[in-house]
């Protein structure tokens, strides 16, 4: 009787182990769960091309320097005041710098004339400090047109003038025009007021 019972117990043990041993998880079910979970969204980025903010402000600019007239050859000094309107254009992206456009009336004096009036336009990139000026003027004492351009960085610049002399005020041997090339210092009061006061 005892051998028969032992045999039954031994014979039944594999089936018990088969039910107890856990089966590995189905890989297809895990893949389905991963597919249902969306990936994390990328961080939001500032999109360029947004609206620009434009401000109109009063503008004041002072400059002066020393230059060389080519014909007749001579060293001259000059100074100038500009009063006008400053257009402050904020960039559409936060990493860019404002662009400044100034337009105004000028009054200048130099070794050629104590009274010269005109109109000047200036373009300035605030981040780099580079600027460009273009202007036209008239000498009130000895009427004659004056054209000039200037470019520079920060408060330093180089200016080129083309001055025309009236026929009534010169001898036949005198030149009818001259070019003037020189350096100058400037004080951009309008942009400084915007940065520190407005």
N, C-alpha and C. Protein backbone atom coordinates (compact mmCIF):
# COMPACT_ATOMS: atom_id res chain seq x y z
N UNK A 1 0.82 -1.20 0.00
CA UNK A 1 0.00 0.00 0.00
C UNK A 1 0.87 1.26 0.00
N UNK A 2 1.92 1.29 0.70
CA UNK A 2 2.80 2.45 0.78
C UNK A 2 3.46 2.77 -0.54
N UNK A 3 4.02 1.79 -1.29
CA UNK A 3 4.64 2.11 -2.59
C UNK A 3 3.68 2.75 -3.55
N UNK A 4 2.43 2.31 -3.56
CA UNK A 4 1.46 2.88 -4.50
C UNK A 4 1.23 4.34 -4.20
N UNK A 5 1.14 4.74 -2.94
CA UNK A 5 0.90 6.14 -2.56
C UNK A 5 2.07 7.00 -2.94
N UNK A 6 3.29 6.52 -2.71
CA UNK A 6 4.48 7.28 -3.08
C UNK A 6 4.54 7.51 -4.56
N UNK A 7 4.19 6.52 -5.33
CA UNK A 7 4.21 6.64 -6.79
C UNK A 7 3.22 7.68 -7.26
N UNK A 8 2.05 7.76 -6.65
CA UNK A 8 1.06 8.76 -7.05
C UNK A 8 1.55 10.17 -6.76
N UNK A 9 2.20 10.33 -5.60
CA UNK A 9 2.71 11.65 -5.24
C UNK A 9 3.79 12.09 -6.18
N UNK A 10 4.72 11.19 -6.54
CA UNK A 10 5.80 11.53 -7.46
C UNK A 10 5.29 11.83 -8.84
N UNK A 11 4.27 11.07 -9.28
CA UNK A 11 3.72 11.27 -10.61
C UNK A 11 2.97 12.58 -10.71
N UNK A 12 2.37 13.03 -9.63
CA UNK A 12 1.59 14.27 -9.69
C UNK A 12 2.43 15.52 -9.51
N UNK A 13 3.66 15.44 -9.04
CA UNK A 13 4.47 16.62 -8.78
C UNK A 13 4.80 17.43 -10.00
N UNK A 14 5.08 16.88 -11.20
CA UNK A 14 5.36 17.74 -12.36
C UNK A 14 4.20 18.62 -12.74
N UNK A 15 2.99 18.11 -12.64
CA UNK A 15 1.83 18.92 -13.02
C UNK A 15 1.65 20.10 -12.09
N UNK A 16 1.95 19.88 -10.78
CA UNK A 16 1.83 20.96 -9.82
C UNK A 16 2.84 22.06 -10.13
N UNK A 17 4.08 21.65 -10.43
CA UNK A 17 5.11 22.63 -10.77
C UNK A 17 4.77 23.39 -12.04
N UNK A 18 4.11 22.72 -12.97
CA UNK A 18 3.75 23.38 -14.23
C UNK A 18 2.76 24.49 -13.98
N UNK A 19 1.86 24.29 -13.04
CA UNK A 19 0.88 25.34 -12.76
C UNK A 19 1.48 26.46 -11.92
N UNK A 20 2.47 26.17 -11.09
CA UNK A 20 3.03 27.17 -10.20
C UNK A 20 4.01 28.09 -10.92
N UNK A 21 4.78 27.55 -11.91
CA UNK A 21 5.80 28.36 -12.60
C UNK A 21 5.13 29.45 -13.41
N UNK A 22 5.46 30.75 -13.19
CA UNK A 22 4.80 31.85 -13.94
C UNK A 22 5.28 31.90 -15.37
N UNK A 23 4.39 32.24 -16.25
CA UNK A 23 4.72 32.36 -17.67
C UNK A 23 5.25 33.75 -17.94
N UNK A 24 6.25 33.92 -18.83
CA UNK A 24 6.76 35.26 -19.14
C UNK A 24 5.70 36.15 -19.78
N UNK A 25 5.81 37.45 -19.53
CA UNK A 25 4.81 38.39 -20.07
C UNK A 25 4.92 38.47 -21.57
N UNK A 26 3.77 38.64 -22.19
CA UNK A 26 3.73 38.72 -23.65
C UNK A 26 4.35 40.05 -24.09
N UNK A 27 5.35 40.00 -24.98
CA UNK A 27 6.03 41.23 -25.43
C UNK A 27 5.12 42.10 -26.26
N UNK A 28 4.15 41.52 -26.93
CA UNK A 28 3.25 42.32 -27.76
C UNK A 28 2.38 43.23 -26.91
N UNK A 29 1.99 42.78 -25.71
CA UNK A 29 1.18 43.61 -24.81
C UNK A 29 1.99 44.81 -24.33
N UNK A 30 3.29 44.59 -24.02
CA UNK A 30 4.14 45.70 -23.57
C UNK A 30 4.33 46.73 -24.68
N UNK A 31 4.47 46.22 -25.93
CA UNK A 31 4.63 47.16 -27.04
C UNK A 31 3.38 48.00 -27.25
N UNK A 32 2.19 47.37 -27.06
CA UNK A 32 0.95 48.11 -27.20
C UNK A 32 0.84 49.20 -26.14
N UNK A 33 1.27 48.88 -24.90
CA UNK A 33 1.22 49.90 -23.84
C UNK A 33 2.16 51.05 -24.13
N UNK A 34 3.37 50.74 -24.68
CA UNK A 34 4.31 51.81 -25.03
C UNK A 34 3.76 52.69 -26.15
N UNK A 35 3.07 52.05 -27.11
CA UNK A 35 2.51 52.81 -28.23
C UNK A 35 1.41 53.76 -27.76
N UNK A 36 0.66 53.34 -26.73
CA UNK A 36 -0.43 54.18 -26.25
C UNK A 36 0.09 55.39 -25.48
N UNK A 37 1.30 55.33 -24.88
CA UNK A 37 1.85 56.44 -24.11
C UNK A 37 2.54 57.44 -25.05
N UNK A 38 2.06 58.68 -25.18
CA UNK A 38 2.68 59.64 -26.10
C UNK A 38 4.04 60.10 -25.57
N UNK A 39 4.98 60.40 -26.48
CA UNK A 39 6.29 60.90 -26.04
C UNK A 39 6.15 62.30 -25.44
N UNK A 40 7.07 62.68 -24.57
CA UNK A 40 6.98 64.03 -23.97
C UNK A 40 7.13 65.12 -25.01
N UNK A 41 6.38 66.20 -24.85
CA UNK A 41 6.40 67.30 -25.82
C UNK A 41 7.72 68.07 -25.70
N UNK A 42 8.28 68.51 -26.83
CA UNK A 42 9.54 69.30 -26.78
C UNK A 42 9.28 70.64 -26.11
N UNK A 43 10.31 71.24 -25.53
CA UNK A 43 10.12 72.55 -24.88
C UNK A 43 9.71 73.62 -25.87
N UNK A 44 8.87 74.51 -25.41
CA UNK A 44 8.37 75.57 -26.29
C UNK A 44 9.49 76.54 -26.63
N UNK A 45 9.52 76.98 -27.86
CA UNK A 45 10.52 77.92 -28.34
C UNK A 45 9.84 79.19 -28.84
N UNK A 46 10.54 80.29 -28.68
CA UNK A 46 10.01 81.56 -29.18
C UNK A 46 10.07 81.57 -30.70
N UNK A 47 8.96 81.84 -31.31
CA UNK A 47 8.90 81.85 -32.77
C UNK A 47 9.22 83.24 -33.28
N UNK A 48 10.21 83.34 -34.21
CA UNK A 48 10.53 84.65 -34.77
C UNK A 48 9.41 85.16 -35.66
N UNK A 49 9.52 86.42 -36.01
CA UNK A 49 8.54 86.99 -36.92
C UNK A 49 7.35 87.62 -36.22
N UNK A 50 7.47 87.86 -34.90
CA UNK A 50 6.39 88.49 -34.18
C UNK A 50 6.30 89.98 -34.51
N UNK A 51 5.32 90.66 -33.93
CA UNK A 51 5.16 92.09 -34.22
C UNK A 51 6.31 92.91 -33.67
N UNK A 52 6.71 93.94 -34.41
CA UNK A 52 7.74 94.86 -33.95
C UNK A 52 7.09 96.03 -33.21
N UNK A 53 7.78 96.53 -32.20
CA UNK A 53 7.29 97.67 -31.45
C UNK A 53 8.08 98.91 -31.87
N UNK A 54 7.36 99.95 -32.29
CA UNK A 54 7.98 101.17 -32.81
C UNK A 54 7.60 102.33 -31.91
N UNK A 55 8.62 103.12 -31.52
CA UNK A 55 8.39 104.31 -30.71
C UNK A 55 8.96 105.52 -31.44
N UNK A 56 8.25 106.64 -31.35
CA UNK A 56 8.72 107.91 -31.88
C UNK A 56 9.12 108.80 -30.71
N UNK A 57 10.37 109.28 -30.74
CA UNK A 57 10.92 110.05 -29.63
C UNK A 57 11.64 111.28 -30.16
N UNK A 58 11.80 112.32 -29.34
CA UNK A 58 12.61 113.46 -29.77
C UNK A 58 14.08 113.05 -29.86
N UNK A 59 14.77 113.69 -30.79
CA UNK A 59 16.17 113.32 -31.04
C UNK A 59 17.05 114.56 -31.02
N UNK A 60 18.21 114.43 -30.38
CA UNK A 60 19.23 115.48 -30.36
C UNK A 60 20.58 114.82 -30.63
N UNK A 61 21.36 115.42 -31.51
CA UNK A 61 22.68 114.87 -31.82
C UNK A 61 23.67 116.03 -31.99
N UNK A 62 24.84 115.87 -31.39
CA UNK A 62 25.92 116.84 -31.52
C UNK A 62 27.14 116.13 -32.09
N UNK A 63 27.82 116.77 -33.03
CA UNK A 63 29.08 116.20 -33.51
C UNK A 63 30.01 117.32 -33.96
N UNK A 64 31.27 116.98 -34.03
CA UNK A 64 32.29 117.94 -34.47
C UNK A 64 33.60 117.23 -34.68
N UNK A 65 34.47 117.85 -35.47
CA UNK A 65 35.73 117.21 -35.74
C UNK A 65 36.68 118.07 -36.54
N UNK A 66 37.71 117.44 -37.05
CA UNK A 66 38.75 118.08 -37.85
C UNK A 66 38.87 117.33 -39.16
N UNK A 67 39.00 118.07 -40.28
CA UNK A 67 39.03 117.44 -41.59
C UNK A 67 40.06 118.14 -42.48
N UNK A 68 40.34 117.50 -43.59
CA UNK A 68 41.29 118.02 -44.56
C UNK A 68 40.58 118.29 -45.87
N UNK A 69 40.61 119.54 -46.32
CA UNK A 69 40.08 119.89 -47.64
C UNK A 69 41.15 119.58 -48.69
N UNK A 70 40.73 118.94 -49.78
CA UNK A 70 41.69 118.49 -50.78
C UNK A 70 42.10 119.60 -51.75
N UNK A 71 41.17 120.53 -52.06
CA UNK A 71 41.51 121.60 -53.01
C UNK A 71 40.63 122.82 -52.74
N UNK A 72 41.19 123.92 -52.30
CA UNK A 72 42.61 124.10 -51.92
C UNK A 72 42.92 123.33 -50.64
N UNK A 73 44.13 122.83 -50.52
CA UNK A 73 44.50 122.03 -49.38
C UNK A 73 44.54 122.88 -48.11
N UNK A 74 43.80 122.41 -47.12
CA UNK A 74 43.74 123.15 -45.85
C UNK A 74 43.09 122.26 -44.80
N UNK A 75 43.48 122.48 -43.56
CA UNK A 75 42.82 121.83 -42.43
C UNK A 75 41.66 122.70 -41.97
N UNK A 76 40.54 122.07 -41.69
CA UNK A 76 39.36 122.82 -41.25
C UNK A 76 38.78 122.15 -40.01
N UNK A 77 38.02 122.92 -39.25
CA UNK A 77 37.25 122.39 -38.14
C UNK A 77 35.76 122.58 -38.40
N UNK A 78 34.93 121.76 -37.79
CA UNK A 78 33.48 121.88 -38.00
C UNK A 78 32.75 121.36 -36.77
N UNK A 79 31.52 121.87 -36.60
CA UNK A 79 30.62 121.41 -35.54
C UNK A 79 29.19 121.45 -36.04
N UNK A 80 28.33 120.64 -35.43
CA UNK A 80 26.96 120.53 -35.97
C UNK A 80 25.99 120.11 -34.88
N UNK A 81 24.76 120.62 -34.98
CA UNK A 81 23.66 120.25 -34.10
C UNK A 81 22.51 119.73 -34.96
N UNK A 82 21.92 118.62 -34.53
CA UNK A 82 20.74 118.08 -35.23
C UNK A 82 19.59 117.92 -34.25
N UNK A 83 18.42 118.43 -34.64
CA UNK A 83 17.20 118.28 -33.87
C UNK A 83 16.16 117.61 -34.76
N UNK A 84 15.52 116.57 -34.26
CA UNK A 84 14.55 115.87 -35.10
C UNK A 84 13.78 114.82 -34.36
N UNK A 85 13.44 113.76 -35.07
CA UNK A 85 12.61 112.67 -34.56
C UNK A 85 13.42 111.37 -34.62
N UNK A 86 13.37 110.62 -33.53
CA UNK A 86 14.04 109.32 -33.44
C UNK A 86 12.99 108.22 -33.49
N UNK A 87 13.14 107.31 -34.44
CA UNK A 87 12.26 106.14 -34.54
C UNK A 87 13.00 104.95 -33.95
N UNK A 88 12.49 104.45 -32.83
CA UNK A 88 13.12 103.34 -32.11
C UNK A 88 12.34 102.07 -32.48
N UNK A 89 12.99 101.15 -33.19
CA UNK A 89 12.32 99.94 -33.68
C UNK A 89 12.84 98.75 -32.89
N UNK A 90 11.96 98.17 -32.06
CA UNK A 90 12.32 96.98 -31.30
C UNK A 90 12.32 95.76 -32.22
N UNK A 91 13.21 94.79 -32.01
CA UNK A 91 13.27 93.61 -32.88
C UNK A 91 12.10 92.67 -32.63
N UNK A 92 11.86 91.79 -33.59
CA UNK A 92 10.80 90.79 -33.46
C UNK A 92 11.26 89.58 -32.66
N UNK A 93 12.55 89.41 -32.46
CA UNK A 93 13.08 88.31 -31.65
C UNK A 93 13.86 88.89 -30.48
N UNK A 94 13.82 88.23 -29.30
CA UNK A 94 14.47 88.81 -28.13
C UNK A 94 15.98 88.87 -28.23
N UNK A 95 16.60 88.05 -29.08
CA UNK A 95 18.06 88.03 -29.16
C UNK A 95 18.61 89.14 -30.05
N UNK A 96 17.77 89.79 -30.84
CA UNK A 96 18.23 90.86 -31.74
C UNK A 96 18.26 92.19 -31.00
N UNK A 97 18.88 93.19 -31.64
CA UNK A 97 19.03 94.51 -31.05
C UNK A 97 18.14 95.52 -31.76
N UNK A 98 17.74 96.57 -31.07
CA UNK A 98 16.92 97.61 -31.71
C UNK A 98 17.66 98.32 -32.83
N UNK A 99 16.89 98.80 -33.79
CA UNK A 99 17.40 99.62 -34.90
C UNK A 99 16.81 101.01 -34.74
N UNK A 100 17.67 102.03 -34.86
CA UNK A 100 17.25 103.41 -34.65
C UNK A 100 17.39 104.19 -35.96
N UNK A 101 16.33 104.91 -36.31
CA UNK A 101 16.33 105.75 -37.50
C UNK A 101 16.02 107.18 -37.06
N UNK A 102 16.92 108.10 -37.38
CA UNK A 102 16.74 109.50 -36.99
C UNK A 102 16.67 110.38 -38.23
N UNK A 103 15.78 111.35 -38.18
CA UNK A 103 15.65 112.35 -39.24
C UNK A 103 15.49 113.71 -38.57
N UNK A 104 16.31 114.68 -39.00
CA UNK A 104 16.20 115.98 -38.36
C UNK A 104 16.87 117.09 -39.15
N UNK A 105 16.61 118.31 -38.70
CA UNK A 105 17.23 119.50 -39.29
C UNK A 105 18.56 119.77 -38.61
N UNK A 106 19.52 120.24 -39.38
CA UNK A 106 20.86 120.49 -38.85
C UNK A 106 21.24 121.95 -39.00
N UNK A 107 22.06 122.38 -38.05
CA UNK A 107 22.72 123.68 -38.15
C UNK A 107 24.20 123.44 -37.88
N UNK A 108 25.04 123.90 -38.80
CA UNK A 108 26.46 123.67 -38.66
C UNK A 108 27.29 124.90 -38.94
N UNK A 109 28.50 124.86 -38.43
CA UNK A 109 29.48 125.90 -38.73
C UNK A 109 30.83 125.23 -38.94
N UNK A 110 31.65 125.89 -39.75
CA UNK A 110 32.95 125.32 -40.10
C UNK A 110 33.89 126.45 -40.51
N UNK A 111 35.09 126.05 -40.90
CA UNK A 111 36.04 127.04 -41.41
C UNK A 111 35.57 127.64 -42.72
N UNK A 112 34.65 126.95 -43.42
CA UNK A 112 34.11 127.48 -44.67
C UNK A 112 32.97 128.45 -44.44
N UNK A 113 32.16 128.20 -43.41
CA UNK A 113 30.96 129.00 -43.22
C UNK A 113 30.52 128.98 -41.76
N UNK A 114 30.01 130.12 -41.25
CA UNK A 114 29.46 130.14 -39.88
C UNK A 114 27.99 129.76 -39.81
N UNK A 115 27.36 129.52 -40.94
CA UNK A 115 25.92 129.22 -40.95
C UNK A 115 25.61 128.28 -42.10
N UNK A 116 25.30 127.06 -41.74
CA UNK A 116 24.98 126.03 -42.74
C UNK A 116 23.79 125.23 -42.22
N UNK A 117 22.70 125.19 -42.98
CA UNK A 117 21.49 124.47 -42.56
C UNK A 117 21.20 123.35 -43.55
N UNK A 118 20.60 122.28 -43.02
CA UNK A 118 20.31 121.15 -43.89
C UNK A 118 19.42 120.12 -43.21
N UNK A 119 19.35 118.95 -43.83
CA UNK A 119 18.56 117.82 -43.32
C UNK A 119 19.46 116.59 -43.30
N UNK A 120 19.37 115.83 -42.21
CA UNK A 120 20.23 114.65 -42.05
C UNK A 120 19.42 113.44 -41.62
N UNK A 121 19.80 112.28 -42.14
CA UNK A 121 19.20 111.00 -41.76
C UNK A 121 20.29 110.09 -41.21
N UNK A 122 19.95 109.38 -40.15
CA UNK A 122 20.93 108.48 -39.52
C UNK A 122 20.30 107.12 -39.27
N UNK A 123 21.08 106.07 -39.49
CA UNK A 123 20.68 104.70 -39.19
C UNK A 123 21.69 104.13 -38.20
N UNK A 124 21.19 103.61 -37.08
CA UNK A 124 22.06 103.11 -36.01
C UNK A 124 21.58 101.73 -35.55
N UNK A 125 22.51 100.77 -35.49
CA UNK A 125 22.23 99.45 -34.91
C UNK A 125 22.75 99.45 -33.48
N UNK A 126 21.84 99.39 -32.52
CA UNK A 126 22.21 99.61 -31.13
C UNK A 126 23.13 98.52 -30.60
N UNK A 127 22.92 97.27 -31.02
CA UNK A 127 23.72 96.18 -30.48
C UNK A 127 25.18 96.26 -30.88
N UNK A 128 25.45 96.53 -32.15
CA UNK A 128 26.83 96.58 -32.63
C UNK A 128 27.45 97.96 -32.46
N UNK A 129 26.62 99.02 -32.39
CA UNK A 129 27.14 100.37 -32.26
C UNK A 129 27.48 101.03 -33.58
N UNK A 130 27.30 100.35 -34.71
CA UNK A 130 27.64 100.93 -36.00
C UNK A 130 26.51 101.85 -36.48
N UNK A 131 26.89 102.95 -37.14
CA UNK A 131 25.91 103.92 -37.61
C UNK A 131 26.36 104.49 -38.95
N UNK A 132 25.37 105.06 -39.66
CA UNK A 132 25.60 105.68 -40.96
C UNK A 132 24.75 106.94 -41.06
N UNK A 133 25.32 108.01 -41.62
CA UNK A 133 24.60 109.28 -41.80
C UNK A 133 24.71 109.74 -43.24
N UNK A 134 23.64 110.34 -43.73
CA UNK A 134 23.62 110.99 -45.03
C UNK A 134 22.89 112.31 -44.92
N UNK A 135 23.43 113.37 -45.55
CA UNK A 135 22.84 114.69 -45.35
C UNK A 135 23.08 115.58 -46.56
N UNK A 136 22.22 116.58 -46.68
CA UNK A 136 22.37 117.66 -47.64
C UNK A 136 22.16 118.98 -46.94
N UNK A 137 22.92 119.99 -47.31
CA UNK A 137 22.84 121.28 -46.62
C UNK A 137 23.13 122.42 -47.60
N UNK A 138 22.88 123.63 -47.13
CA UNK A 138 23.14 124.84 -47.92
C UNK A 138 23.88 125.83 -47.03
N UNK A 139 24.92 126.44 -47.59
CA UNK A 139 25.66 127.48 -46.89
C UNK A 139 24.88 128.79 -47.03
N UNK A 140 24.49 129.39 -45.92
CA UNK A 140 23.68 130.60 -45.96
C UNK A 140 24.50 131.86 -46.27
N UNK A 141 25.78 131.86 -45.91
CA UNK A 141 26.61 133.04 -46.14
C UNK A 141 27.02 133.14 -47.61
N UNK A 142 27.59 132.07 -48.14
CA UNK A 142 27.94 131.98 -49.56
C UNK A 142 27.16 130.82 -50.15
N UNK A 143 25.95 131.07 -50.66
CA UNK A 143 25.06 129.98 -51.05
C UNK A 143 25.74 128.97 -51.98
N UNK A 144 25.67 127.73 -51.55
CA UNK A 144 26.24 126.62 -52.31
C UNK A 144 25.87 125.31 -51.63
N UNK A 145 25.55 124.27 -52.39
CA UNK A 145 25.14 123.00 -51.79
C UNK A 145 26.32 122.25 -51.16
N UNK A 146 25.99 121.52 -50.12
CA UNK A 146 26.96 120.68 -49.43
C UNK A 146 26.33 119.30 -49.26
N UNK A 147 27.03 118.28 -49.71
CA UNK A 147 26.58 116.90 -49.54
C UNK A 147 27.59 116.17 -48.67
N UNK A 148 27.09 115.36 -47.77
CA UNK A 148 28.03 114.65 -46.90
C UNK A 148 27.48 113.29 -46.48
N UNK A 149 28.40 112.38 -46.24
CA UNK A 149 28.09 111.06 -45.69
C UNK A 149 29.10 110.78 -44.58
N UNK A 150 28.66 110.00 -43.61
CA UNK A 150 29.54 109.65 -42.48
C UNK A 150 29.18 108.26 -42.00
N UNK A 151 30.15 107.58 -41.44
CA UNK A 151 29.94 106.25 -40.87
C UNK A 151 30.91 106.08 -39.72
N UNK A 152 30.53 105.22 -38.77
CA UNK A 152 31.41 105.00 -37.64
C UNK A 152 30.87 104.00 -36.66
N UNK A 153 31.55 103.94 -35.53
CA UNK A 153 31.19 103.02 -34.46
C UNK A 153 31.16 103.78 -33.15
N UNK A 154 30.11 103.60 -32.37
CA UNK A 154 29.94 104.28 -31.10
C UNK A 154 29.99 105.80 -31.30
N UNK A 155 30.92 106.50 -30.70
CA UNK A 155 30.98 107.96 -30.82
C UNK A 155 32.05 108.42 -31.82
N UNK A 156 32.73 107.49 -32.48
CA UNK A 156 33.78 107.84 -33.44
C UNK A 156 33.27 107.64 -34.86
N UNK A 157 33.70 108.51 -35.78
CA UNK A 157 33.26 108.37 -37.16
C UNK A 157 34.19 109.07 -38.13
N UNK A 158 33.96 108.78 -39.40
CA UNK A 158 34.68 109.40 -40.51
C UNK A 158 33.64 110.06 -41.41
N UNK A 159 33.90 111.30 -41.80
CA UNK A 159 32.96 112.06 -42.63
C UNK A 159 33.62 112.52 -43.92
N UNK A 160 32.85 112.46 -45.00
CA UNK A 160 33.29 112.95 -46.32
C UNK A 160 32.28 113.99 -46.79
N UNK A 161 32.76 115.14 -47.19
CA UNK A 161 31.91 116.23 -47.68
C UNK A 161 32.27 116.57 -49.12
N UNK A 162 31.26 116.97 -49.85
CA UNK A 162 31.44 117.51 -51.20
C UNK A 162 30.83 118.91 -51.20
N UNK A 163 31.68 119.91 -51.24
CA UNK A 163 31.23 121.30 -51.14
C UNK A 163 31.39 121.99 -52.49
N UNK A 164 30.36 122.75 -52.87
CA UNK A 164 30.38 123.51 -54.12
C UNK A 164 30.49 124.99 -53.81
N UNK A 165 31.42 125.67 -54.46
CA UNK A 165 31.61 127.11 -54.24
C UNK A 165 30.87 127.89 -55.31
N UNK A 166 30.16 128.96 -54.93
CA UNK A 166 29.46 129.77 -55.94
C UNK A 166 30.45 130.49 -56.86
N UNK A 167 30.03 130.70 -58.11
CA UNK A 167 30.91 131.33 -59.10
C UNK A 167 31.24 132.78 -58.74
N UNK A 168 30.32 133.48 -58.06
CA UNK A 168 30.54 134.89 -57.76
C UNK A 168 31.64 135.11 -56.72
N UNK A 169 31.95 134.07 -55.94
CA UNK A 169 32.89 134.24 -54.83
C UNK A 169 34.26 133.61 -55.09
N UNK A 170 34.57 133.29 -56.32
CA UNK A 170 35.85 132.65 -56.57
C UNK A 170 36.49 133.24 -57.83
N UNK A 171 37.79 133.16 -57.87
CA UNK A 171 38.55 133.60 -59.03
C UNK A 171 38.52 132.53 -60.11
N UNK A 172 38.82 132.89 -61.36
CA UNK A 172 38.81 131.87 -62.42
C UNK A 172 39.74 130.70 -62.14
N UNK A 173 40.82 130.94 -61.39
CA UNK A 173 41.75 129.85 -61.09
C UNK A 173 41.33 129.02 -59.88
N UNK A 174 40.33 129.48 -59.13
CA UNK A 174 39.88 128.74 -57.95
C UNK A 174 39.01 127.55 -58.35
N UNK A 175 39.04 126.47 -57.59
CA UNK A 175 38.20 125.31 -57.90
C UNK A 175 36.73 125.61 -57.65
N UNK A 176 35.87 124.95 -58.38
CA UNK A 176 34.42 125.13 -58.19
C UNK A 176 33.87 124.26 -57.08
N UNK A 177 34.62 123.25 -56.68
CA UNK A 177 34.18 122.38 -55.59
C UNK A 177 35.39 121.75 -54.91
N UNK A 178 35.16 121.19 -53.75
CA UNK A 178 36.23 120.51 -53.03
C UNK A 178 35.65 119.35 -52.24
N UNK A 179 36.50 118.38 -51.98
CA UNK A 179 36.15 117.26 -51.12
C UNK A 179 36.85 117.43 -49.78
N UNK A 180 36.14 117.10 -48.73
CA UNK A 180 36.65 117.22 -47.37
C UNK A 180 36.53 115.86 -46.70
N UNK A 181 37.63 115.39 -46.12
CA UNK A 181 37.66 114.09 -45.45
C UNK A 181 38.24 114.30 -44.05
N UNK A 182 37.54 113.79 -43.04
CA UNK A 182 38.03 113.97 -41.69
C UNK A 182 37.37 113.04 -40.69
N UNK A 183 37.82 113.14 -39.45
CA UNK A 183 37.25 112.36 -38.37
C UNK A 183 36.43 113.23 -37.44
N UNK A 184 35.51 112.60 -36.72
CA UNK A 184 34.66 113.38 -35.82
C UNK A 184 34.24 112.55 -34.61
N UNK A 185 33.84 113.29 -33.58
CA UNK A 185 33.23 112.73 -32.38
C UNK A 185 31.77 113.15 -32.35
N UNK A 186 30.91 112.27 -31.83
CA UNK A 186 29.49 112.60 -31.78
C UNK A 186 28.92 112.26 -30.42
N UNK A 187 27.85 112.97 -30.06
CA UNK A 187 27.12 112.72 -28.81
C UNK A 187 25.67 112.42 -29.16
N UNK A 188 25.28 111.13 -29.24
CA UNK A 188 23.89 110.78 -29.57
C UNK A 188 22.98 110.94 -28.36
N UNK A 189 22.56 112.18 -28.10
CA UNK A 189 21.79 112.49 -26.90
C UNK A 189 20.41 111.82 -26.93
N UNK A 190 19.77 111.76 -28.10
CA UNK A 190 18.44 111.15 -28.19
C UNK A 190 18.43 109.70 -27.74
N UNK A 191 19.27 108.82 -28.28
CA UNK A 191 19.30 107.43 -27.81
C UNK A 191 19.66 107.30 -26.33
N UNK A 192 20.56 108.16 -25.83
CA UNK A 192 20.92 108.09 -24.42
C UNK A 192 19.74 108.44 -23.51
N UNK A 193 18.94 109.42 -23.93
CA UNK A 193 17.74 109.75 -23.16
C UNK A 193 16.76 108.59 -23.13
N UNK A 194 16.62 107.91 -24.23
CA UNK A 194 15.73 106.75 -24.28
C UNK A 194 16.22 105.64 -23.34
N UNK A 195 17.50 105.39 -23.31
CA UNK A 195 18.05 104.31 -22.50
C UNK A 195 17.96 104.59 -21.01
N UNK A 196 18.14 105.85 -20.60
CA UNK A 196 18.26 106.14 -19.17
C UNK A 196 17.03 106.83 -18.57
N UNK A 197 16.15 107.43 -19.38
CA UNK A 197 15.04 108.17 -18.82
C UNK A 197 13.68 107.60 -19.19
N UNK A 198 13.47 107.21 -20.45
CA UNK A 198 12.13 106.79 -20.88
C UNK A 198 11.83 105.38 -20.41
